[in-house]
N, C-alpha and C. Protein backbone atom coordinates (compact mmCIF):
# COMPACT_ATOMS: atom_id res chain seq x y z
N UNK A 1 0.77 -1.22 -0.18
CA UNK A 1 -0.26 -0.28 -0.12
C UNK A 1 0.78 1.13 -0.08
N UNK A 2 0.82 2.04 -1.07
CA UNK A 2 1.52 2.92 -0.92
C UNK A 2 0.94 4.58 -0.23
N UNK A 3 1.79 5.12 0.45
CA UNK A 3 1.40 6.42 1.29
C UNK A 3 0.56 7.32 -0.03
N UNK A 4 -0.19 8.00 0.85
CA UNK A 4 -1.63 8.94 -0.50
C UNK A 4 -0.17 9.94 -0.39
N UNK A 5 0.02 10.87 -1.46
CA UNK A 5 0.76 11.87 -1.54
C UNK A 5 0.66 12.84 -0.73
N UNK A 6 -0.85 13.23 0.15
CA UNK A 6 -0.32 14.19 0.77
C UNK A 6 -0.15 13.18 2.40
N UNK A 7 0.57 12.59 2.45
CA UNK A 7 1.07 11.84 4.14
C UNK A 7 2.56 11.72 3.48
N UNK A 8 3.34 11.18 4.98
CA UNK A 8 4.33 10.95 5.03
C UNK A 8 4.55 9.88 6.26
N UNK A 9 5.57 9.25 5.74
CA UNK A 9 5.75 7.76 6.64
C UNK A 9 7.16 8.01 6.93
N UNK A 10 7.28 8.35 7.91
CA UNK A 10 9.36 8.53 8.25
C UNK A 10 9.21 7.25 9.36
N UNK A 11 10.37 6.21 9.01
CA UNK A 11 10.94 4.87 10.00
C UNK A 11 12.24 4.83 10.60
N UNK A 12 12.84 4.82 11.51
CA UNK A 12 13.63 4.86 12.18
C UNK A 12 14.01 3.39 11.59
N UNK A 13 15.41 3.05 10.98
CA UNK A 13 15.73 1.58 10.07
C UNK A 13 16.27 1.34 11.61
N UNK A 14 15.29 0.13 12.09
CA UNK A 14 16.10 -0.86 13.26
C UNK A 14 17.14 -2.12 12.62
N UNK A 15 17.85 -2.74 13.32
CA UNK A 15 18.95 -3.62 12.29
C UNK A 15 20.35 -3.13 11.89
N UNK A 16 20.50 -2.10 11.64
CA UNK A 16 21.69 -1.43 11.63
C UNK A 16 22.75 -1.86 12.03
N UNK A 17 23.58 -3.27 11.87
CA UNK A 17 25.19 -2.71 12.81
C UNK A 17 25.78 -2.06 12.93
N UNK A 18 26.95 -2.33 14.01
CA UNK A 18 27.79 -1.20 14.10
C UNK A 18 29.02 -1.19 13.09
N UNK A 19 29.05 0.14 12.86
CA UNK A 19 30.12 0.32 11.41
C UNK A 19 31.74 0.28 11.36
N UNK A 20 32.02 -0.52 10.77
CA UNK A 20 33.84 -0.65 10.53
C UNK A 20 34.17 0.10 9.42
N UNK A 21 35.41 0.90 9.12
CA UNK A 21 36.08 1.17 8.39
C UNK A 21 36.22 -0.08 6.78
N UNK A 22 35.76 -0.90 7.11
CA UNK A 22 36.06 -2.10 6.39
C UNK A 22 34.63 -2.26 5.83
N UNK A 23 33.46 -1.50 5.81
CA UNK A 23 32.18 -1.91 5.50
C UNK A 23 31.96 -0.87 4.34
N UNK A 24 31.00 -1.31 3.24
CA UNK A 24 30.60 -0.45 2.32
C UNK A 24 28.71 -0.34 2.76
N UNK A 25 28.33 1.36 2.93
CA UNK A 25 27.58 1.41 3.10
C UNK A 25 26.14 0.56 3.00
N UNK A 26 25.99 0.76 1.25
CA UNK A 26 24.89 -0.06 0.96
C UNK A 26 24.83 -1.53 1.26
N UNK A 27 26.29 -2.16 1.44
CA UNK A 27 25.77 -3.89 1.68
C UNK A 27 25.56 -3.41 3.14
N UNK A 28 26.03 -2.52 4.37
CA UNK A 28 25.78 -2.41 5.52
C UNK A 28 24.06 -2.62 5.65
N UNK A 29 23.84 -1.52 4.86
CA UNK A 29 22.34 -1.33 5.54
C UNK A 29 21.12 -1.85 4.68
N UNK A 30 21.24 -2.47 3.57
CA UNK A 30 20.41 -2.91 2.92
C UNK A 30 19.95 -4.23 3.40
N UNK A 31 20.60 -4.94 3.96
CA UNK A 31 19.34 -6.33 4.84
C UNK A 31 18.52 -5.64 5.65
N UNK A 32 18.78 -4.00 6.55
CA UNK A 32 18.37 -4.01 7.61
C UNK A 32 16.89 -3.48 6.22
N UNK A 33 16.98 -2.48 5.55
CA UNK A 33 16.01 -1.82 4.77
C UNK A 33 14.88 -2.72 3.97
N UNK A 34 16.01 -4.17 3.44
CA UNK A 34 14.81 -5.58 3.25
C UNK A 34 14.17 -5.51 3.49
N UNK A 35 14.05 -5.89 4.92
CA UNK A 35 13.28 -6.38 5.77
C UNK A 35 12.59 -5.55 6.84
N UNK A 36 12.55 -4.22 6.74
CA UNK A 36 11.81 -2.46 7.04
C UNK A 36 10.37 -2.63 7.01
N UNK A 37 9.56 -3.04 8.45
CA UNK A 37 7.86 -3.08 7.93
C UNK A 37 8.09 -1.61 8.78
N UNK A 38 6.78 -1.19 7.59
CA UNK A 38 6.47 0.09 7.68
C UNK A 38 5.38 0.14 8.68
N UNK A 39 4.68 1.60 8.96
CA UNK A 39 3.16 1.73 9.71
C UNK A 39 2.29 1.12 9.21
N UNK A 40 2.07 0.89 7.42
CA UNK A 40 1.39 0.61 7.05
C UNK A 40 1.36 -1.42 7.14
N UNK A 41 2.38 -1.33 7.11
CA UNK A 41 2.46 -2.74 7.14
C UNK A 41 3.01 -3.75 5.89
N UNK A 42 3.88 -2.72 4.70
CA UNK A 42 4.49 -2.87 3.77
C UNK A 42 5.86 -3.47 4.37
N UNK A 43 6.56 -4.16 3.49
CA UNK A 43 7.41 -4.63 3.66
C UNK A 43 9.16 -3.92 2.75
N UNK A 44 10.14 -3.90 3.22
CA UNK A 44 11.27 -2.95 2.24
C UNK A 44 10.80 -1.77 1.85
N UNK A 45 11.87 -1.77 0.62
CA UNK A 45 11.55 -0.34 -0.12
C UNK A 45 11.14 -0.26 -1.19
N UNK A 46 10.15 0.84 -1.97
CA UNK A 46 9.44 0.96 -3.14
C UNK A 46 10.27 2.30 -3.91
N UNK A 47 9.95 1.91 -4.93
CA UNK A 47 10.46 3.37 -6.00
C UNK A 47 10.34 4.49 -4.86
N UNK A 48 10.74 5.63 -5.18
CA UNK A 48 10.16 7.21 -4.55
C UNK A 48 10.78 6.91 -2.95
N UNK A 49 10.92 5.73 -2.04
CA UNK A 49 11.28 5.79 -1.17
C UNK A 49 12.80 6.79 -1.05
N UNK A 50 13.18 7.62 0.32
CA UNK A 50 14.23 8.15 0.59
C UNK A 50 14.69 7.52 1.56
N UNK A 51 16.16 7.54 1.81
CA UNK A 51 17.11 7.40 2.99
C UNK A 51 17.46 7.80 3.34
N UNK A 52 17.88 8.32 4.56
CA UNK A 52 18.65 9.24 5.24
C UNK A 52 19.36 8.96 5.78
N UNK A 53 21.10 8.86 6.23
CA UNK A 53 21.81 8.11 6.85
C UNK A 53 22.76 9.33 7.58
N UNK A 54 23.43 8.86 8.87
CA UNK A 54 23.89 9.99 9.50
C UNK A 54 24.99 10.00 9.16
N UNK A 55 25.97 11.12 8.86
CA UNK A 55 27.25 11.07 8.92
C UNK A 55 28.46 10.31 9.40
N UNK A 56 28.02 10.27 10.90
CA UNK A 56 29.13 9.20 11.36
C UNK A 56 29.10 7.81 10.89
N UNK A 57 28.06 7.37 10.17
CA UNK A 57 28.28 5.96 10.01
C UNK A 57 29.19 5.68 8.34
N UNK A 58 28.81 7.08 7.68
CA UNK A 58 29.20 6.72 6.20
C UNK A 58 30.44 7.31 6.48
N UNK A 59 31.27 8.30 7.36
CA UNK A 59 32.50 9.23 7.92
C UNK A 59 33.44 7.58 8.37
N UNK A 60 32.46 6.41 9.10
CA UNK A 60 33.15 5.33 9.67
C UNK A 60 33.65 4.44 8.68
N UNK A 61 32.56 4.10 7.60
CA UNK A 61 33.08 3.22 6.80
C UNK A 61 33.78 4.00 5.62
N UNK A 62 34.14 5.08 5.58
CA UNK A 62 35.33 5.62 4.91
C UNK A 62 36.49 5.49 5.69
N UNK A 63 36.44 5.30 6.67
CA UNK A 63 38.00 5.06 7.56
C UNK A 63 38.12 6.72 7.73
N UNK A 64 37.51 7.18 8.44
CA UNK A 64 37.26 8.80 8.84
C UNK A 64 37.95 8.77 10.75
N UNK A 65 38.87 8.06 10.84
CA UNK A 65 38.74 8.00 11.64
C UNK A 65 40.45 8.41 12.34
N UNK A 66 40.59 9.17 13.19
CA UNK A 66 41.46 9.71 13.88
C UNK A 66 41.96 9.86 15.32
N UNK A 67 43.45 9.53 16.31
CA UNK A 67 43.05 9.17 17.13
C UNK A 67 42.48 11.29 18.22
N UNK A 68 41.82 10.20 19.16
CA UNK A 68 41.51 11.42 20.30
C UNK A 68 42.61 13.00 19.88
N UNK A 69 41.92 13.98 19.87
CA UNK A 69 43.23 15.25 20.68
C UNK A 69 43.94 15.90 19.78
N UNK A 70 43.88 14.64 18.17
CA UNK A 70 44.50 15.01 17.28
C UNK A 70 43.65 15.40 15.78
N UNK A 71 42.08 15.61 16.11
CA UNK A 71 41.55 16.25 15.07
C UNK A 71 40.98 17.51 14.93
N UNK A 72 40.61 18.06 14.08
CA UNK A 72 39.92 19.23 13.76
C UNK A 72 39.08 19.27 14.33
N UNK A 73 39.07 20.92 14.17
CA UNK A 73 37.44 21.29 14.95
C UNK A 73 36.14 20.24 14.26
N UNK A 74 36.57 20.10 13.41
CA UNK A 74 35.54 19.44 12.53
C UNK A 74 34.88 18.32 12.87
N UNK A 75 35.98 17.78 14.28
CA UNK A 75 35.35 16.03 14.04
C UNK A 75 33.71 16.23 14.66
N UNK A 76 33.42 14.80 14.20
CA UNK A 76 32.28 14.30 14.91
C UNK A 76 32.01 14.21 16.88
N UNK A 77 31.18 14.47 17.19
CA UNK A 77 31.87 14.27 19.13
C UNK A 77 30.38 13.95 19.27
N UNK A 78 29.86 13.28 18.41
CA UNK A 78 28.49 12.33 18.86
C UNK A 78 29.35 10.90 19.72
N UNK A 79 27.81 10.59 20.19
CA UNK A 79 28.67 9.42 21.22
C UNK A 79 29.02 8.28 20.04
N UNK A 80 28.94 7.48 21.12
CA UNK A 80 29.37 5.50 20.22
C UNK A 80 30.87 5.19 19.70
N UNK A 81 31.66 6.12 19.30
CA UNK A 81 32.92 6.36 18.60
C UNK A 81 33.47 5.82 20.01
N UNK A 82 34.66 4.77 19.18
CA UNK A 82 35.76 4.00 20.04
C UNK A 82 36.32 5.25 20.97
N UNK A 83 36.78 4.54 22.11
CA UNK A 83 37.63 5.63 23.13
C UNK A 83 38.77 5.83 22.45
N UNK A 84 38.84 7.09 22.91
CA UNK A 84 40.17 7.53 22.28
C UNK A 84 40.22 7.87 20.43
N UNK A 85 39.13 7.83 19.95
CA UNK A 85 39.07 8.33 18.88
C UNK A 85 38.13 9.29 18.41
N UNK A 86 38.33 10.23 17.40
CA UNK A 86 37.37 10.90 16.86
C UNK A 86 36.91 10.48 15.63
N UNK A 87 36.21 10.89 15.21
CA UNK A 87 35.28 10.74 13.63
C UNK A 87 35.59 11.87 12.75
N UNK A 88 36.15 11.80 11.75
CA UNK A 88 35.73 13.37 10.96
C UNK A 88 34.79 13.64 10.01
N UNK A 89 34.41 14.16 9.68
CA UNK A 89 33.31 14.31 9.03
C UNK A 89 33.87 13.56 7.09
N UNK A 90 32.74 12.79 6.38
CA UNK A 90 33.13 12.29 5.40
C UNK A 90 33.69 13.44 4.23
N UNK A 91 34.50 13.36 3.50
CA UNK A 91 35.38 14.20 2.37
C UNK A 91 34.35 14.86 1.75
N UNK A 92 33.67 14.09 1.19
CA UNK A 92 33.12 14.36 0.10
C UNK A 92 31.55 13.80 -0.11
N UNK A 93 30.71 14.88 0.56
CA UNK A 93 29.57 14.30 1.17
C UNK A 93 28.23 14.14 0.09
N UNK A 94 28.45 14.53 -0.56
CA UNK A 94 27.75 14.91 -1.91
C UNK A 94 28.18 13.67 -2.68
N UNK A 95 29.25 13.44 -3.60
CA UNK A 95 30.22 11.79 -3.48
C UNK A 95 29.87 10.45 -3.07
N UNK A 96 29.86 11.05 -1.57
CA UNK A 96 29.72 9.92 -0.96
C UNK A 96 27.64 9.33 -0.72
N UNK A 97 27.30 10.28 -1.27
CA UNK A 97 25.85 10.19 -1.29
C UNK A 97 25.30 9.79 -2.53
N UNK A 98 26.56 9.99 -3.81
CA UNK A 98 25.77 9.60 -4.99
C UNK A 98 26.21 8.30 -4.70
N UNK A 99 27.56 8.11 -4.85
CA UNK A 99 27.83 6.30 -4.57
C UNK A 99 27.01 5.50 -3.99
N UNK A 100 26.42 5.58 -2.56
CA UNK A 100 25.55 4.82 -2.05
C UNK A 100 23.93 4.52 -2.57
N UNK A 101 24.27 5.50 -3.01
CA UNK A 101 22.63 5.89 -3.52
C UNK A 101 22.67 4.82 -5.18
N UNK A 102 23.71 4.77 -5.38
CA UNK A 102 23.79 4.16 -6.70
C UNK A 102 23.94 2.16 -6.31
N UNK A 103 24.44 2.48 -4.90
CA UNK A 103 24.88 1.15 -4.51
C UNK A 103 23.28 0.55 -3.99
N UNK A 104 22.34 1.37 -3.40
CA UNK A 104 21.37 0.94 -3.00
C UNK A 104 20.36 0.64 -4.29
N UNK A 105 20.34 1.35 -5.18
CA UNK A 105 19.94 1.18 -6.52
C UNK A 105 19.63 -0.45 -7.02
N UNK A 106 21.14 -0.68 -7.60
CA UNK A 106 21.92 -1.78 -7.91
C UNK A 106 21.65 -2.76 -6.80
N UNK A 107 21.08 -2.79 -5.58
CA UNK A 107 20.24 -3.90 -4.94
C UNK A 107 18.59 -4.03 -5.05
N UNK A 108 17.93 -2.94 -5.27
CA UNK A 108 16.95 -2.81 -5.03
C UNK A 108 16.20 -2.39 -6.38
N UNK A 109 16.73 -2.20 -7.20
CA UNK A 109 15.74 -2.00 -8.65
C UNK A 109 15.33 -0.86 -8.74
N UNK A 110 15.61 0.36 -7.58
CA UNK A 110 14.61 1.41 -7.82
C UNK A 110 16.36 2.41 -7.62
N UNK A 111 15.40 3.76 -7.46
CA UNK A 111 16.22 4.93 -7.73
C UNK A 111 15.73 5.89 -6.55
N UNK A 112 16.72 5.30 -4.88
CA UNK A 112 16.02 5.70 -4.25
C UNK A 112 16.60 7.26 -4.08
N UNK A 113 15.84 8.36 -2.99
CA UNK A 113 16.46 9.70 -2.46
C UNK A 113 17.52 9.10 -1.55
N UNK A 114 18.78 10.30 -1.61
CA UNK A 114 19.68 9.86 -0.76
C UNK A 114 19.76 11.04 -0.16
N UNK A 115 20.18 11.30 1.35
CA UNK A 115 20.40 11.80 1.85
C UNK A 115 21.69 11.80 3.05
N UNK A 116 22.85 12.30 3.24
CA UNK A 116 23.75 12.24 4.54
C UNK A 116 23.20 13.52 5.46
N UNK A 117 22.60 13.70 5.93
CA UNK A 117 23.14 14.53 7.16
C UNK A 117 24.15 14.95 8.58
N UNK A 118 24.32 15.89 8.82
CA UNK A 118 25.11 16.27 9.52
C UNK A 118 24.68 17.49 10.62
N UNK A 119 25.36 18.14 11.29
CA UNK A 119 24.80 18.99 12.53
C UNK A 119 25.19 20.43 11.20
N UNK A 120 24.84 21.43 10.81
CA UNK A 120 24.64 22.54 9.92
C UNK A 120 25.27 23.78 10.77
N UNK A 121 26.42 24.45 10.22
CA UNK A 121 26.91 25.17 10.98
C UNK A 121 25.83 26.91 11.81
N UNK A 122 24.49 26.77 11.25
CA UNK A 122 23.30 27.07 12.16
C UNK A 122 22.42 26.42 13.20
N UNK A 123 22.48 25.64 12.78
CA UNK A 123 21.23 24.99 13.63
C UNK A 123 21.79 23.74 14.43
N UNK A 124 23.39 23.66 14.35
CA UNK A 124 24.17 22.82 15.54
C UNK A 124 23.71 23.16 16.92
N UNK A 125 23.87 24.72 16.55
CA UNK A 125 23.53 25.16 18.22
C UNK A 125 22.65 24.87 18.80
N UNK A 126 21.26 24.03 17.74
CA UNK A 126 19.62 24.20 18.12
C UNK A 126 20.11 22.01 18.32
N UNK A 127 20.93 21.39 17.91
CA UNK A 127 20.93 20.25 17.79
C UNK A 127 20.10 20.00 16.84
N UNK A 128 19.63 20.47 15.75
CA UNK A 128 18.74 20.37 14.79
C UNK A 128 19.84 19.85 13.30
N UNK A 129 19.87 18.32 12.91
CA UNK A 129 20.91 18.44 11.61
C UNK A 129 20.51 18.92 10.52
N UNK A 130 20.99 19.30 8.97
CA UNK A 130 20.66 19.91 8.11
C UNK A 130 21.35 18.82 7.56
N UNK A 131 21.30 19.27 5.74
CA UNK A 131 21.96 17.98 4.89
C UNK A 131 23.49 18.98 4.68
N UNK A 132 24.52 17.76 4.93
CA UNK A 132 25.51 18.15 4.68
C UNK A 132 25.68 17.18 3.33
N UNK A 133 25.40 16.35 2.59
CA UNK A 133 25.43 15.53 1.20
C UNK A 133 24.20 15.52 0.81
N UNK A 134 23.63 15.74 -0.15
CA UNK A 134 22.51 15.21 -1.31
C UNK A 134 22.19 14.62 -2.43
N UNK A 135 21.29 13.65 -2.52
CA UNK A 135 21.75 13.42 -3.84
C UNK A 135 19.65 12.99 -4.43
N UNK A 136 19.36 13.47 -5.12
CA UNK A 136 18.16 13.23 -5.68
C UNK A 136 16.48 13.88 -4.50
N UNK A 137 16.98 15.24 -4.01
CA UNK A 137 15.32 15.33 -3.18
C UNK A 137 16.14 16.47 -2.65
N UNK A 138 15.38 16.76 -1.77
CA UNK A 138 15.00 18.66 -1.22
C UNK A 138 15.51 18.52 0.11
N UNK A 139 16.44 19.49 1.06
CA UNK A 139 16.99 19.16 2.09
C UNK A 139 16.06 19.38 3.06
N UNK A 140 15.05 19.85 2.97
CA UNK A 140 14.55 19.92 4.06
C UNK A 140 14.03 18.53 4.95
N UNK A 141 14.59 17.60 4.31
CA UNK A 141 13.26 16.02 4.35
C UNK A 141 14.94 15.51 5.92
N UNK A 142 16.01 16.35 6.24
CA UNK A 142 17.28 15.94 7.06
C UNK A 142 16.23 16.33 8.64
N UNK A 143 15.87 17.46 8.91
CA UNK A 143 15.52 17.76 9.85
C UNK A 143 14.34 16.44 10.44
N UNK A 144 13.24 16.26 9.49
CA UNK A 144 12.08 15.01 10.19
C UNK A 144 13.22 13.51 10.22
N UNK A 145 14.20 13.30 9.38
CA UNK A 145 15.48 12.25 9.96
C UNK A 145 15.58 12.60 11.09
N UNK A 146 15.76 13.90 11.61
CA UNK A 146 16.59 14.10 12.63
C UNK A 146 15.78 14.05 13.91
N UNK A 147 14.45 13.70 13.88
CA UNK A 147 13.99 14.04 15.27
C UNK A 147 13.77 12.03 15.56
N UNK A 148 13.65 11.49 14.64
CA UNK A 148 13.75 10.35 14.52
C UNK A 148 15.31 9.20 15.14
N UNK A 149 16.24 10.47 14.74
CA UNK A 149 17.73 9.67 15.07
C UNK A 149 18.01 10.15 16.49
N UNK A 150 17.31 11.29 16.97
CA UNK A 150 17.45 11.76 18.37
C UNK A 150 16.53 11.14 18.74
N UNK A 151 15.20 10.27 19.10
CA UNK A 151 14.68 9.35 19.42
C UNK A 151 14.85 7.98 19.84
N UNK A 152 15.75 7.37 18.60
CA UNK A 152 16.50 6.19 18.54
C UNK A 152 17.46 6.54 18.23
N UNK A 153 18.92 7.04 19.17
CA UNK A 153 19.98 6.76 18.51
C UNK A 153 21.19 5.52 18.28
N UNK A 154 20.20 4.94 18.16
CA UNK A 154 21.07 3.34 17.71
C UNK A 154 21.01 3.13 16.44
N UNK A 155 19.59 3.99 15.80
CA UNK A 155 19.37 4.25 14.49
C UNK A 155 19.67 4.72 13.84
N UNK A 156 20.65 4.81 12.60
CA UNK A 156 21.51 6.00 12.17
C UNK A 156 21.03 6.17 10.32
N UNK A 157 19.91 5.13 10.71
CA UNK A 157 19.15 5.80 9.77
C UNK A 157 17.98 5.62 8.96
N UNK A 158 17.00 6.47 8.46
CA UNK A 158 15.77 6.73 8.28
C UNK A 158 15.28 6.34 7.15
N UNK A 159 14.43 5.74 7.31
CA UNK A 159 13.38 5.52 5.41
C UNK A 159 12.33 6.55 5.58
N UNK A 160 12.11 7.25 4.44
CA UNK A 160 10.80 8.13 4.12
C UNK A 160 9.93 7.74 3.13
N UNK A 161 8.90 7.54 3.20
CA UNK A 161 7.84 7.22 2.10
C UNK A 161 6.87 8.01 1.98
N UNK A 162 6.39 9.13 0.73
CA UNK A 162 5.13 9.26 0.43
C UNK A 162 5.62 10.70 0.17
N UNK A 163 7.36 11.08 -0.30
CA UNK A 163 7.47 12.57 -0.72
C UNK A 163 8.65 11.91 -2.02
N UNK A 164 7.84 10.69 -2.69
CA UNK A 164 9.01 10.38 -3.99
C UNK A 164 8.69 11.60 -5.27
N UNK A 165 7.55 12.57 -4.99
CA UNK A 165 7.25 13.57 -6.10
C UNK A 165 8.30 14.48 -5.91
N UNK A 166 8.79 14.16 -5.19
CA UNK A 166 10.10 15.48 -5.01
C UNK A 166 11.38 14.68 -5.54
N UNK A 167 11.45 13.66 -5.90
CA UNK A 167 12.84 13.23 -6.91
C UNK A 167 13.03 13.47 -8.18
N UNK A 168 14.38 13.53 -8.85
CA UNK A 168 14.36 13.53 -9.85
C UNK A 168 15.41 13.05 -10.50
N UNK A 169 15.38 12.65 -11.39
CA UNK A 169 16.56 11.39 -11.85
C UNK A 169 17.93 11.87 -11.81
N UNK A 170 18.40 13.25 -11.46
CA UNK A 170 20.02 13.57 -11.63
C UNK A 170 20.29 13.98 -10.59
N UNK A 171 21.08 13.70 -9.79
CA UNK A 171 21.58 13.84 -8.80
C UNK A 171 21.85 15.60 -8.55
N UNK A 172 21.50 16.07 -7.33
CA UNK A 172 21.56 17.75 -7.41
C UNK A 172 22.64 17.64 -5.73
N UNK A 173 23.03 18.52 -6.26
CA UNK A 173 24.13 18.97 -5.05
C UNK A 173 23.30 20.44 -4.25
């Protein structure tokens, strides 16, 4: 059952394993996305779904780890980092978003929207995430996902359904 065009479903995706520097993001999150049960009891992804991923998960998979105290000011300070380790943001979030989306497209046969979220310069003081890398969607969806990521801190991925009409074929910066 597809969500009516005037509604939005957003789900914090359970079952995402702890990321390591050896992980491929699409391979890491695909099993959980495949078995995701939506509030309307639909299972998995469909064309037009949007996937929102915390930048820390992407950064860890990209190997952006440094010893604590040696990181620049832009090191991620969120919890769940190994003791004595800081996580730098993804080097090129837009490229990362495109590559992750292509990997998900290959696994699911649809072209999902993809957002990588992270604290925005203006919004981070208020504890609100904004988009730092996106492919194929509107930047404002990051705030929707941030509400769920804060409510469920062990869920670094959120799936959104009902806004497929916002997606375009081209990657956007």
